[in-house]
Protein backbone atom coordinates (compact mmCIF):
# COMPACT_ATOMS: atom_id res chain seq x y z
CA MET A 1 2.71 8.55 -21.05
CA SER A 2 4.66 5.53 -19.90
CA ALA A 3 2.78 2.25 -19.78
CA GLN A 4 2.79 0.18 -16.58
CA PRO A 5 2.77 -3.62 -16.17
CA ASP A 6 -0.56 -5.34 -16.73
CA ARG A 7 -2.30 -6.14 -13.40
CA ARG A 8 -5.54 -7.42 -14.92
CA LEU A 9 -7.02 -10.29 -12.91
CA PRO A 10 -8.42 -13.43 -14.54
CA VAL A 11 -12.15 -13.10 -15.20
CA LEU A 12 -14.81 -15.44 -16.43
CA SER A 13 -16.81 -14.73 -19.56
CA GLY A 14 -19.22 -11.96 -18.74
CA GLY A 15 -16.74 -10.37 -16.33
CA VAL A 16 -17.67 -12.14 -13.08
CA VAL A 17 -14.77 -12.97 -10.75
CA THR A 18 -14.93 -16.52 -9.39
CA GLY A 19 -16.35 -16.57 -5.85
CA SER A 20 -17.79 -13.06 -6.02
CA ALA A 21 -19.55 -12.22 -2.73
CA TRP A 22 -22.01 -9.43 -1.92
CA TRP A 23 -19.33 -7.44 -0.07
CA GLN A 24 -17.05 -7.57 -3.11
CA ARG A 25 -19.64 -5.86 -5.29
CA ALA A 26 -20.82 -3.55 -2.52
CA THR A 27 -20.17 0.08 -1.72
CA ILE A 28 -20.13 0.67 2.05
CA TYR A 29 -21.34 3.94 3.61
CA GLN A 30 -20.21 4.82 7.12
CA VAL A 31 -22.83 6.35 9.41
CA TYR A 32 -21.74 8.02 12.64
CA PRO A 33 -25.03 7.56 14.54
CA ARG A 34 -24.68 10.60 16.82
CA SER A 35 -24.51 12.85 13.77
CA PHE A 36 -26.74 11.35 11.09
CA GLN A 37 -30.33 12.14 12.13
CA ASP A 38 -31.96 13.00 15.44
CA SER A 39 -35.55 11.74 15.71
CA ASP A 40 -36.46 12.63 19.31
CA GLY A 41 -35.26 16.22 19.72
CA ASP A 42 -32.35 15.70 22.11
CA GLY A 43 -29.73 16.91 19.61
CA VAL A 44 -28.13 13.46 19.25
CA GLY A 45 -28.67 11.18 16.28
CA ASP A 46 -30.29 7.80 16.87
CA LEU A 47 -31.33 4.50 15.29
CA GLU A 48 -34.81 5.72 14.42
CA GLY A 49 -33.25 8.71 12.67
CA ILE A 50 -31.09 6.37 10.60
CA ARG A 51 -34.14 4.27 9.73
CA ARG A 52 -35.93 7.38 8.46
CA ARG A 53 -32.98 8.21 6.18
CA LEU A 54 -32.52 4.74 4.69
CA ALA A 55 -34.60 5.72 1.66
CA TYR A 56 -32.01 8.41 0.89
CA LEU A 57 -29.19 5.87 1.05
CA ALA A 58 -31.11 3.51 -1.23
CA TRP A 59 -31.66 6.41 -3.65
CA LEU A 60 -27.96 7.26 -3.50
CA GLY A 61 -27.10 3.68 -4.43
CA VAL A 62 -25.02 2.32 -1.54
CA ASP A 63 -25.25 -1.36 -0.70
CA ALA A 64 -24.31 -1.50 2.97
CA ILE A 65 -23.96 0.86 5.91
CA TRP A 66 -21.39 0.58 8.66
CA LEU A 67 -22.69 1.92 11.95
CA SER A 68 -20.26 3.28 14.53
CA PRO A 69 -21.10 2.03 18.07
CA PHE A 70 -24.55 2.56 19.55
CA TYR A 71 -24.17 0.13 22.48
CA ARG A 72 -24.91 1.05 26.10
CA SER A 73 -22.06 3.29 27.21
CA PRO A 74 -21.15 6.14 29.59
CA MET A 75 -19.83 7.87 26.43
CA ALA A 76 -16.32 8.67 27.63
CA ASP A 77 -15.29 7.96 24.01
CA PHE A 78 -18.75 8.31 22.47
CA GLY A 79 -19.66 4.64 22.39
CA TYR A 80 -16.26 2.98 22.02
CA ASP A 81 -16.30 2.52 25.81
CA VAL A 82 -18.94 -0.21 25.97
CA ALA A 83 -20.77 -1.03 29.21
CA ASP A 84 -23.11 -3.60 27.64
CA PHE A 85 -22.32 -5.10 24.23
CA CYS A 86 -25.82 -6.55 23.81
CA ASP A 87 -27.98 -3.51 24.41
CA VAL A 88 -28.64 -0.14 22.78
CA ASP A 89 -27.74 3.00 24.69
CA PRO A 90 -30.90 5.02 25.52
CA GLN A 91 -29.46 8.00 23.61
CA PHE A 92 -29.68 5.91 20.45
CA GLY A 93 -32.95 4.11 21.19
CA THR A 94 -33.81 0.52 22.02
CA LEU A 95 -33.31 -2.98 20.70
CA GLU A 96 -36.77 -2.67 19.17
CA ASP A 97 -35.53 0.38 17.24
CA TRP A 98 -32.67 -1.77 15.98
CA ASP A 99 -35.13 -4.46 14.88
CA ARG A 100 -37.14 -1.87 12.94
CA LEU A 101 -33.96 -0.59 11.32
CA VAL A 102 -33.07 -4.13 10.26
CA ALA A 103 -36.52 -4.71 8.78
CA GLU A 104 -36.44 -1.49 6.76
CA ALA A 105 -32.88 -2.10 5.58
CA ARG A 106 -33.84 -5.58 4.40
CA ARG A 107 -36.83 -4.17 2.54
CA LEU A 108 -34.55 -1.72 0.72
CA GLY A 109 -31.80 -4.25 0.06
CA ILE A 110 -29.23 -2.57 2.33
CA LYS A 111 -26.84 -4.59 4.49
CA LEU A 112 -25.96 -3.53 8.05
CA ILE A 113 -22.39 -3.77 9.36
CA LEU A 114 -21.78 -3.17 13.07
CA ASP A 115 -18.75 -1.80 14.86
CA TYR A 116 -17.40 -4.66 16.98
CA VAL A 117 -15.13 -3.44 19.81
CA PRO A 118 -13.07 -6.42 21.03
CA ASN A 119 -10.04 -4.67 22.50
CA HIS A 120 -11.60 -2.99 25.54
CA THR A 121 -14.74 -2.27 27.52
CA SER A 122 -15.94 0.64 29.61
CA ILE A 123 -14.57 0.88 33.12
CA GLU A 124 -18.26 0.65 34.10
CA HIS A 125 -18.74 -2.77 32.50
CA PRO A 126 -19.68 -5.46 35.06
CA TRP A 127 -16.76 -7.55 33.83
CA PHE A 128 -14.30 -4.90 34.97
CA SER A 129 -15.95 -4.59 38.37
CA ALA A 130 -15.59 -8.34 38.82
CA SER A 131 -11.99 -8.12 37.64
CA ARG A 132 -11.16 -5.45 40.22
CA ASP A 133 -12.65 -7.65 42.95
CA GLY A 134 -10.60 -10.64 41.83
CA THR A 135 -13.38 -12.93 40.59
CA ARG A 136 -12.50 -12.22 36.93
CA ARG A 137 -9.01 -10.83 37.48
CA ASP A 138 -7.54 -12.44 34.35
CA TRP A 139 -10.19 -10.91 32.08
CA TYR A 140 -8.18 -7.67 31.93
CA LEU A 141 -4.48 -6.78 31.91
CA TRP A 142 -3.39 -6.22 35.51
CA HIS A 143 0.15 -5.73 36.75
CA ASP A 144 1.19 -5.77 40.38
CA GLY A 145 3.69 -3.28 41.66
CA SER A 146 4.14 0.05 43.38
CA PRO A 147 1.68 2.91 42.73
CA GLU A 148 4.71 5.18 42.24
CA GLN A 149 6.06 3.36 39.18
CA ALA A 150 4.15 2.24 36.06
CA PRO A 151 5.08 -1.26 34.81
CA ASN A 152 6.76 -0.02 31.61
CA ASN A 153 6.87 2.84 29.09
CA TRP A 154 3.71 1.97 27.16
CA VAL A 155 1.65 5.04 26.24
CA SER A 156 -1.99 5.61 25.40
CA VAL A 157 -3.15 6.49 21.90
CA PHE A 158 -4.99 9.37 23.55
CA GLY A 159 -1.94 10.71 25.38
CA GLY A 160 -0.22 9.93 28.67
CA SER A 161 0.67 6.59 30.18
CA ALA A 162 -1.30 3.52 29.11
CA TRP A 163 -1.29 2.38 32.76
CA SER A 164 -3.63 3.52 35.54
CA TRP A 165 -3.35 2.58 39.22
CA ASP A 166 -6.50 1.15 40.78
CA GLU A 167 -6.72 1.52 44.55
CA ARG A 168 -9.43 -1.07 44.94
CA ALA A 169 -7.39 -3.75 43.15
CA ARG A 170 -4.05 -2.39 44.41
CA ALA A 171 -2.61 -2.92 40.92
CA TRP A 172 -2.08 -1.26 37.56
CA TYR A 173 -4.40 -1.93 34.63
CA TYR A 174 -3.59 -1.33 30.95
CA HIS A 175 -5.65 0.82 28.57
CA ALA A 176 -4.58 1.43 24.99
CA TYR A 177 -6.95 4.41 24.88
CA LEU A 178 -8.64 6.21 27.79
CA PRO A 179 -8.32 5.16 31.46
CA GLU A 180 -12.09 4.63 31.16
CA GLN A 181 -11.40 1.93 28.51
CA PRO A 182 -9.50 -0.96 30.14
CA ASP A 183 -8.16 -3.55 27.69
CA LEU A 184 -9.51 -7.08 27.72
CA ASN A 185 -7.16 -10.07 27.98
CA TRP A 186 -7.79 -12.04 24.79
CA ARG A 187 -5.59 -14.88 26.03
CA ASN A 188 -8.36 -15.68 28.52
CA ALA A 189 -10.85 -18.35 27.38
CA GLY A 190 -13.70 -16.67 29.27
CA VAL A 191 -13.15 -13.41 27.39
CA ARG A 192 -13.14 -15.19 24.05
CA ALA A 193 -16.35 -17.08 24.89
CA ALA A 194 -18.10 -13.91 26.09
CA MET A 195 -17.08 -11.95 23.00
CA ARG A 196 -18.20 -14.85 20.80
CA ASP A 197 -21.61 -14.58 22.46
CA VAL A 198 -21.67 -10.86 21.54
CA MET A 199 -21.06 -11.63 17.87
CA GLU A 200 -23.65 -14.38 17.85
CA PHE A 201 -26.20 -12.11 19.53
CA TRP A 202 -25.94 -9.50 16.78
CA CYS A 203 -25.75 -12.07 13.98
CA HIS A 204 -29.03 -13.50 15.26
CA ARG A 205 -30.39 -9.95 15.49
CA GLY A 206 -29.67 -9.18 11.84
CA ALA A 207 -26.06 -7.98 11.48
CA ASP A 208 -24.55 -8.63 8.05
CA GLY A 209 -20.97 -8.20 9.22
CA PHE A 210 -18.62 -6.44 11.56
CA ARG A 211 -16.00 -3.74 11.37
CA ILE A 212 -13.45 -4.86 13.98
CA ASP A 213 -12.27 -1.84 15.95
CA ALA A 214 -8.60 -1.62 17.02
CA LEU A 215 -7.88 -5.18 15.89
CA ARG A 216 -4.09 -4.76 15.96
CA GLN A 217 -4.21 -3.83 19.68
CA THR A 218 -5.99 -6.96 20.92
CA ILE A 219 -2.85 -8.84 22.06
CA LYS A 220 0.04 -7.34 24.05
CA ASP A 221 3.50 -8.69 24.85
CA ARG A 222 3.49 -11.38 27.56
CA LEU A 223 6.74 -10.06 29.03
CA TRP A 224 5.60 -6.40 29.25
CA ARG A 225 8.73 -5.21 27.43
CA ASP A 226 9.28 -1.48 26.79
CA ASN A 227 8.39 -0.17 23.35
CA LEU A 228 11.25 1.23 21.30
CA PRO A 229 11.98 4.94 20.76
CA ASN A 230 11.01 6.24 17.31
CA PRO A 231 14.06 7.96 15.79
CA ASP A 232 11.85 9.79 13.24
CA TRP A 233 9.65 11.48 15.86
CA TRP A 234 10.21 15.06 16.96
CA GLU A 235 8.74 17.30 19.63
CA GLY A 236 5.38 18.72 18.65
CA GLU A 237 4.10 15.62 16.85
CA ASP A 238 1.54 13.20 18.24
CA PRO A 239 3.15 11.94 21.50
CA TYR A 240 1.91 8.41 20.81
CA ASP A 241 4.30 8.25 17.85
CA ALA A 242 7.33 8.88 20.05
CA LEU A 243 7.52 5.11 20.55
CA ILE A 244 7.31 2.29 18.02
CA PRO A 245 4.49 0.07 19.42
CA VAL A 246 6.13 -3.27 18.62
CA PHE A 247 5.06 -4.83 21.94
CA THR A 248 1.52 -3.41 22.07
CA THR A 249 0.23 -3.77 18.50
CA ASP A 250 0.25 -6.30 15.66
CA ARG A 251 1.65 -9.09 17.82
CA PRO A 252 1.80 -12.50 16.09
CA GLU A 253 -1.05 -13.78 18.27
CA VAL A 254 -3.42 -11.17 16.83
CA GLN A 255 -3.67 -13.50 13.84
CA ASP A 256 -5.19 -16.10 16.17
CA VAL A 257 -7.80 -13.58 17.28
CA ALA A 258 -8.64 -12.86 13.64
CA ARG A 259 -9.02 -16.58 12.87
CA TRP A 260 -11.27 -16.99 15.87
CA LEU A 261 -13.49 -14.08 14.77
CA ARG A 262 -13.74 -15.49 11.26
CA ALA A 263 -14.72 -18.90 12.61
CA THR A 264 -17.48 -17.26 14.64
CA VAL A 265 -19.11 -15.48 11.69
CA ASP A 266 -18.65 -18.51 9.44
CA SER A 267 -20.46 -20.63 12.03
CA ALA A 268 -23.32 -18.12 12.10
CA ALA A 269 -23.51 -18.23 8.29
CA GLN A 270 -23.75 -22.03 8.35
CA LYS A 271 -26.71 -21.77 10.68
CA ASP A 272 -28.76 -19.18 8.79
CA GLY A 273 -27.25 -19.11 5.28
CA ARG A 274 -26.38 -15.40 5.41
CA GLU A 275 -22.79 -14.58 4.47
CA ARG A 276 -21.17 -11.95 6.69
CA VAL A 277 -18.16 -9.74 6.14
CA LEU A 278 -15.29 -8.95 8.52
CA ILE A 279 -13.55 -5.59 8.08
CA GLY A 280 -10.44 -5.05 10.21
CA GLU A 281 -9.39 -1.60 11.41
CA LEU A 282 -5.64 -1.94 10.86
CA HIS A 283 -3.32 1.05 10.60
CA LEU A 284 -0.40 -0.94 9.22
CA PRO A 285 2.04 -0.91 6.31
CA ILE A 286 0.80 -2.73 3.22
CA GLU A 287 3.00 -5.78 3.77
CA ARG A 288 1.60 -6.23 7.29
CA LEU A 289 -1.99 -5.78 6.14
CA MET A 290 -1.66 -8.79 3.88
CA ALA A 291 -1.18 -11.21 6.80
CA TYR A 292 -4.74 -10.50 7.95
CA TYR A 293 -6.18 -11.83 4.70
CA ASP A 294 -4.50 -15.15 5.47
CA SER A 295 -5.96 -15.19 8.98
CA GLY A 296 -9.52 -14.69 7.75
CA VAL A 297 -10.32 -10.97 7.65
CA HIS A 298 -12.21 -10.37 4.41
CA LEU A 299 -11.22 -6.70 4.17
CA PRO A 300 -8.20 -5.53 6.19
CA ALA A 301 -8.92 -1.81 5.98
CA ASN A 302 -6.63 -0.04 3.53
CA PHE A 303 -6.18 3.54 4.79
CA HIS A 304 -3.18 4.41 2.64
CA LEU A 305 -5.04 6.79 0.31
CA LEU A 306 -5.70 8.98 3.37
CA LYS A 307 -2.04 9.95 3.59
CA THR A 308 -0.70 9.49 0.05
CA PRO A 309 0.21 12.76 -1.74
CA TRP A 310 -2.46 13.75 -4.24
CA GLU A 311 -0.12 13.33 -7.19
CA PRO A 312 -0.47 10.88 -10.11
CA ALA A 313 2.88 9.17 -9.58
CA ALA A 314 2.30 8.70 -5.84
CA VAL A 315 -1.29 7.44 -6.21
CA ALA A 316 -0.36 5.11 -9.08
CA ALA A 317 2.60 3.73 -7.10
CA LEU A 318 0.32 3.07 -4.13
CA VAL A 319 -2.27 1.24 -6.24
CA GLU A 320 0.42 -0.81 -7.97
CA SER A 321 2.21 -1.79 -4.76
CA TYR A 322 -1.06 -2.66 -3.03
CA GLU A 323 -2.31 -4.75 -5.96
CA ALA A 324 1.04 -6.52 -6.24
CA ALA A 325 1.06 -7.39 -2.52
CA LEU A 326 -2.42 -8.96 -2.42
CA PRO A 327 -2.46 -12.72 -1.80
CA THR A 328 -4.19 -14.93 -4.34
CA ASN A 329 -7.98 -14.42 -4.23
CA ALA A 330 -7.69 -11.56 -1.71
CA TRP A 331 -10.12 -8.71 -2.37
CA PRO A 332 -8.89 -5.08 -2.20
CA ASN A 333 -10.61 -2.19 -0.47
CA TRP A 334 -10.17 1.60 -0.39
CA VAL A 335 -10.98 4.35 2.11
CA LEU A 336 -10.82 8.12 1.53
CA GLY A 337 -12.60 9.37 4.64
CA ASN A 338 -13.76 8.25 8.09
CA HIS A 339 -14.65 9.47 11.58
CA ASP A 340 -11.00 9.80 12.65
CA ARG A 341 -9.46 11.78 9.76
CA SER A 342 -9.90 15.24 8.30
CA ARG A 343 -12.73 15.39 5.78
CA LEU A 344 -12.03 14.81 2.12
CA ALA A 345 -13.06 18.31 1.01
CA THR A 346 -10.82 19.90 3.65
CA ARG A 347 -7.87 17.60 3.04
CA LEU A 348 -7.83 17.88 -0.76
CA GLY A 349 -9.75 21.11 -1.33
CA GLN A 350 -12.95 21.63 -3.28
CA ARG A 351 -11.14 21.43 -6.62
CA HIS A 352 -10.37 17.74 -6.14
CA VAL A 353 -13.49 16.35 -4.46
CA ARG A 354 -14.86 15.19 -7.82
CA THR A 355 -11.75 13.39 -8.97
CA ALA A 356 -11.51 11.85 -5.49
CA ALA A 357 -15.05 10.51 -5.85
CA MET A 358 -14.28 9.09 -9.27
CA LEU A 359 -11.06 7.49 -8.04
CA LEU A 360 -12.64 5.87 -4.99
CA LEU A 361 -15.58 4.44 -6.91
CA THR A 362 -13.64 3.12 -9.91
CA LEU A 363 -10.60 1.47 -8.33
CA ARG A 364 -10.73 -2.29 -8.01
CA GLY A 365 -12.14 -3.40 -4.67
CA THR A 366 -14.74 -2.45 -2.08
CA PRO A 367 -14.95 1.31 -1.39
CA THR A 368 -16.11 2.90 1.87
CA LEU A 369 -17.75 6.36 1.84
CA TYR A 370 -17.99 8.57 4.91
CA TYR A 371 -21.32 10.28 5.51
CA GLY A 372 -21.42 13.83 4.16
CA ASP A 373 -18.49 13.43 1.78
CA GLU A 374 -20.98 12.96 -1.02
CA ILE A 375 -22.11 16.58 -0.61
CA GLY A 376 -18.66 18.02 0.09
CA MET A 377 -18.96 18.59 3.84
CA GLN A 378 -15.81 20.11 5.32
CA ASP A 379 -14.20 20.11 8.76
CA VAL A 380 -16.07 22.44 11.12
CA GLU A 381 -14.13 24.68 13.46
CA ILE A 382 -15.01 23.77 17.05
CA GLY A 383 -14.51 26.44 19.70
CA ALA A 384 -12.63 25.44 22.84
CA GLU A 385 -15.81 25.66 24.88
CA LEU A 386 -17.58 23.20 22.57
CA VAL A 387 -14.88 20.49 22.36
CA GLN A 388 -16.29 17.02 22.99
CA ASP A 389 -13.50 14.69 21.88
CA PRO A 390 -11.44 13.28 24.78
CA TRP A 391 -8.38 13.07 22.51
CA GLU A 392 -8.41 16.84 21.98
CA ARG A 393 -8.91 17.42 25.70
CA ARG A 394 -5.98 15.17 26.66
CA VAL A 395 -3.63 16.32 23.88
CA PRO A 396 -4.81 19.85 23.02
CA GLY A 397 -3.55 22.07 20.25
CA LYS A 398 -2.00 19.42 17.99
CA GLY A 399 -4.92 19.01 15.61
CA LEU A 400 -5.70 15.49 16.82
CA GLY A 401 -9.30 16.20 17.85
CA ARG A 402 -11.96 14.48 15.77
CA ASP A 403 -14.95 16.71 16.50
CA PRO A 404 -14.47 18.73 13.25
CA VAL A 405 -15.18 15.64 11.12
CA ARG A 406 -18.12 14.33 13.19
CA THR A 407 -20.53 17.24 12.89
CA PRO A 408 -24.21 16.67 12.01
CA MET A 409 -25.25 15.70 8.51
CA GLN A 410 -26.45 18.63 6.41
CA TRP A 411 -29.81 17.60 5.01
CA ASP A 412 -31.49 20.86 4.01
CA GLU A 413 -31.63 24.63 4.54
CA THR A 414 -33.83 24.51 7.66
CA PRO A 415 -32.42 25.27 11.15
CA HIS A 416 -29.69 22.81 12.16
CA GLY A 417 -29.61 21.56 8.58
CA GLY A 418 -32.59 19.28 9.11
CA PHE A 419 -30.55 17.14 11.51
CA CYS A 420 -32.82 17.95 14.45
CA VAL A 421 -35.79 20.17 15.23
CA ALA A 422 -35.19 23.89 15.55
CA GLN A 423 -35.76 23.86 19.31
CA ALA A 424 -33.01 21.28 19.93
CA GLN A 425 -29.31 21.94 20.45
CA PRO A 426 -27.12 19.69 18.24
CA TRP A 427 -24.38 17.91 20.16
CA LEU A 428 -21.84 19.55 17.83
CA PRO A 429 -22.32 22.72 15.76
CA LEU A 430 -23.09 22.51 12.06
CA ALA A 431 -21.01 24.13 9.35
CA ARG A 432 -21.86 27.72 8.51
CA ASP A 433 -22.58 26.67 4.92
CA ALA A 434 -25.20 24.05 5.87
CA ASP A 435 -27.97 26.17 4.37
CA SER A 436 -26.33 25.90 0.92
CA VAL A 437 -24.24 22.71 1.11
CA ASN A 438 -26.86 20.07 1.80
CA VAL A 439 -28.63 17.06 0.37
CA ALA A 440 -31.85 18.85 -0.59
CA SER A 441 -30.19 21.51 -2.74
CA GLN A 442 -27.80 19.10 -4.44
CA ARG A 443 -30.41 16.44 -5.04
CA VAL A 444 -32.18 18.62 -7.60
CA ASP A 445 -28.99 19.95 -9.20
CA SER A 446 -27.88 17.83 -12.15
CA SER A 447 -24.34 19.20 -11.90
CA SER A 448 -23.89 18.77 -8.13
CA LEU A 449 -21.33 16.62 -6.34
CA LEU A 450 -24.16 14.48 -4.93
CA THR A 451 -25.44 13.81 -8.44
CA LEU A 452 -21.94 12.77 -9.50
CA TYR A 453 -21.73 10.30 -6.60
CA ARG A 454 -25.11 8.85 -7.51
CA ARG A 455 -24.14 8.46 -11.16
CA LEU A 456 -20.84 6.86 -10.23
CA LEU A 457 -22.58 4.39 -7.92
CA ALA A 458 -25.14 3.54 -10.61
CA LEU A 459 -22.40 3.01 -13.18
CA ARG A 460 -20.43 0.85 -10.76
CA ARG A 461 -23.48 -1.35 -10.20
CA SER A 462 -24.28 -1.70 -13.89
CA GLU A 463 -20.73 -2.31 -15.16
CA PRO A 464 -19.05 -5.55 -14.01
CA ALA A 465 -15.78 -4.07 -15.28
CA LEU A 466 -16.01 -1.50 -12.47
CA SER A 467 -17.54 -3.61 -9.70
CA ILE A 468 -15.44 -6.75 -10.05
CA GLY A 469 -13.21 -6.33 -13.11
CA GLY A 470 -9.43 -6.34 -13.33
CA TYR A 471 -7.10 -3.36 -13.02
CA ARG A 472 -4.23 -2.02 -15.14
CA THR A 473 -2.33 1.25 -14.79
CA VAL A 474 -2.09 2.98 -18.18
CA ALA A 475 -0.19 6.16 -17.32
CA ALA A 476 0.92 8.45 -14.52
CA THR A 477 2.27 11.79 -15.75
CA ASP A 478 2.82 15.09 -13.93
CA ASP A 479 -0.94 15.70 -13.84
CA LEU A 480 -2.74 12.66 -15.22
CA PHE A 481 -3.51 9.31 -13.65
CA VAL A 482 -5.04 6.95 -16.20
CA TYR A 483 -6.03 3.34 -15.59
CA GLU A 484 -8.15 0.64 -17.12
CA ARG A 485 -10.76 -1.68 -15.60
CA ALA A 486 -11.76 -4.72 -17.61
CA ALA A 487 -14.24 -7.59 -17.58
CA GLY A 488 -14.79 -9.85 -20.55
CA SER A 489 -14.72 -7.73 -23.70
CA VAL A 490 -15.57 -4.47 -21.92
CA ARG A 491 -12.83 -1.94 -21.22
CA ILE A 492 -13.36 1.05 -18.93
CA LEU A 493 -10.71 3.79 -19.10
CA VAL A 494 -10.59 6.24 -16.17
CA ALA A 495 -8.58 9.44 -16.59
CA LEU A 496 -8.10 11.88 -13.70
CA ASN A 497 -6.29 15.20 -13.74
CA LEU A 498 -4.86 15.41 -10.22
CA GLY A 499 -2.86 18.54 -11.02
CA SER A 500 -3.19 21.65 -8.93
CA HIS A 501 -2.31 24.48 -11.32
CA GLY A 502 -5.38 24.64 -13.52
CA GLU A 503 -3.70 23.77 -16.82
CA GLU A 504 -5.51 21.47 -19.21
CA THR A 505 -3.89 18.15 -20.08
CA GLU A 506 -4.66 16.07 -23.14
CA PHE A 507 -4.78 12.30 -23.40
CA ASP A 508 -5.76 9.77 -26.03
CA ALA A 509 -8.95 7.98 -25.01
CA GLY A 510 -8.71 5.49 -27.84
CA GLY A 511 -12.07 6.12 -29.51
CA GLY A 512 -14.40 4.75 -26.86
CA THR A 513 -17.61 6.35 -25.59
CA VAL A 514 -17.57 8.88 -22.75
CA VAL A 515 -20.04 7.52 -20.19
CA LEU A 516 -19.39 9.87 -17.27
CA GLN A 517 -17.42 13.00 -16.49
CA THR A 518 -16.86 14.93 -13.28
CA HIS A 519 -18.00 18.25 -14.77
CA PRO A 520 -20.98 17.59 -17.07
CA GLU A 521 -21.34 21.30 -17.83
CA ARG A 522 -18.07 21.16 -19.78
CA ALA A 523 -18.40 19.83 -23.31
CA ALA A 524 -16.87 16.44 -24.02
CA PRO A 525 -17.15 14.32 -27.17
CA ARG A 526 -19.57 11.43 -27.05
CA ARG A 527 -17.03 9.44 -29.03
CA ALA A 528 -13.72 9.87 -27.26
CA GLY A 529 -10.56 10.68 -29.12
CA ALA A 530 -8.17 13.25 -27.73
CA ILE A 531 -9.72 14.66 -24.54
CA ARG A 532 -8.52 17.67 -22.58
CA LEU A 533 -9.00 17.75 -18.81
CA ALA A 534 -8.46 20.71 -16.51
CA ALA A 535 -7.09 20.26 -12.99
CA GLY A 536 -9.70 18.49 -10.86
CA GLU A 537 -11.49 16.94 -13.84
CA GLY A 538 -12.01 13.28 -14.63
CA VAL A 539 -13.68 11.21 -17.31
CA ILE A 540 -14.75 7.60 -17.78
CA VAL A 541 -14.59 6.06 -21.27
CA ARG A 542 -16.13 2.73 -22.24
CA SER A 543 -15.05 0.59 -25.16
CA GLN A 544 -15.80 -2.89 -26.46
CA ALA A 545 -13.08 -5.21 -27.69
CA PRO A 546 -13.75 -6.42 -31.24
CA GLY A 547 -15.06 -9.92 -31.71
């Protein structure tokens, strides 16, 4: 095993990193509200359903939940087309339901992070109506011209042109996503003031932070220049990738938007003393992600594990390059699943869900879990007649639809997995294995995946070396990825067999104590020496430096 350069960060005695904030120690759990728990029998999850399940999340050991949008919306994109940023859609409940959710979360010590959608509104938002009539024309991106010819070659993420002709306004308007989601003009002072009011409203109402949706899209080129052809794209791939979006994403002025958002939450914190976190949705190369730390985003979302080959050398190289790129005092973060990507168990296979859990919860930085991954939920096949996702409807047959990863949470063996009453019809079908793969059955099984997640979260909370300690790669062989976390005199060694062929691999654990393993039914020495791991197995070893 070849040693790698030491990447251990400076720590204080006792292992506490200077300036440690709640979101640095936290584990975040993403809840997709439509699919978590239905409380009123309409087949759609809601805020009251989430409140009723908070005790489970406290038991699991997560520190904060990120809620996908529940604002008033016509649901063209299931809440990301917002018609009123300061109200709850009736499908999800009321503002009073939100207040009750806040109160219960506070009682249980759980933070609440909201999805903030600054790039666009619903076409049904009053702002857009006023823009079409000319009174707020500059609040959106309009372009005069002929209805026969779009202003340029910009395309929508969801397929087709990003321009739609509006007869009432006799002009084109830009939408990075659906025609029902017109983009706001963030160069307009009125837009910035109105969106500041939205943030302040939810800060006052109990939000502990915001996940900023589509942050890189918020500013577009002033000159409306054509995007460039992508030479690496070929027919059959996602049509959005046929162009390199240099004039529609990650423009230099986006950094100004990020600074403005940070100033808004910092101002709220000065008023009430409650620190809030900003998480930026940013699908960007590592070197571009780093700029958003400098502009004030606490956690520019790091999605690179979602597409990195599940091989020790590749994963180790990613971790090393990401750690090396971080600015001074920047805090890392890791994501292995979310509402837009194939589920972890489907992407990696059941053999590797346990090593994936151990990796995510022992790397340095703030991890985000996606609901259901802790019990091994997989993508659910959605028949053509049941498709809900507008992306799949606009670009069918390319595997871009997100319905398979948004199906209802599997709570128990009752009808509809305990997500809703038997008489209701869930908005999406549940997996066929919901009667066996569910929270209730795994909660009482000491060898289950859910139990492993809970033990990992408990260990992460109790060991500063894991929650805020430094990082050092130890080895990356054909099958093994081994790394060390350290705080003060405590050393935590994590060894993962990411191989796919089933062979056992031996490594020297250095005589520490095994504190957790992915497969507790397999014997492992309490005092670690040479340990053998089969494919899909992992182990955590704790040692104390002498003196």
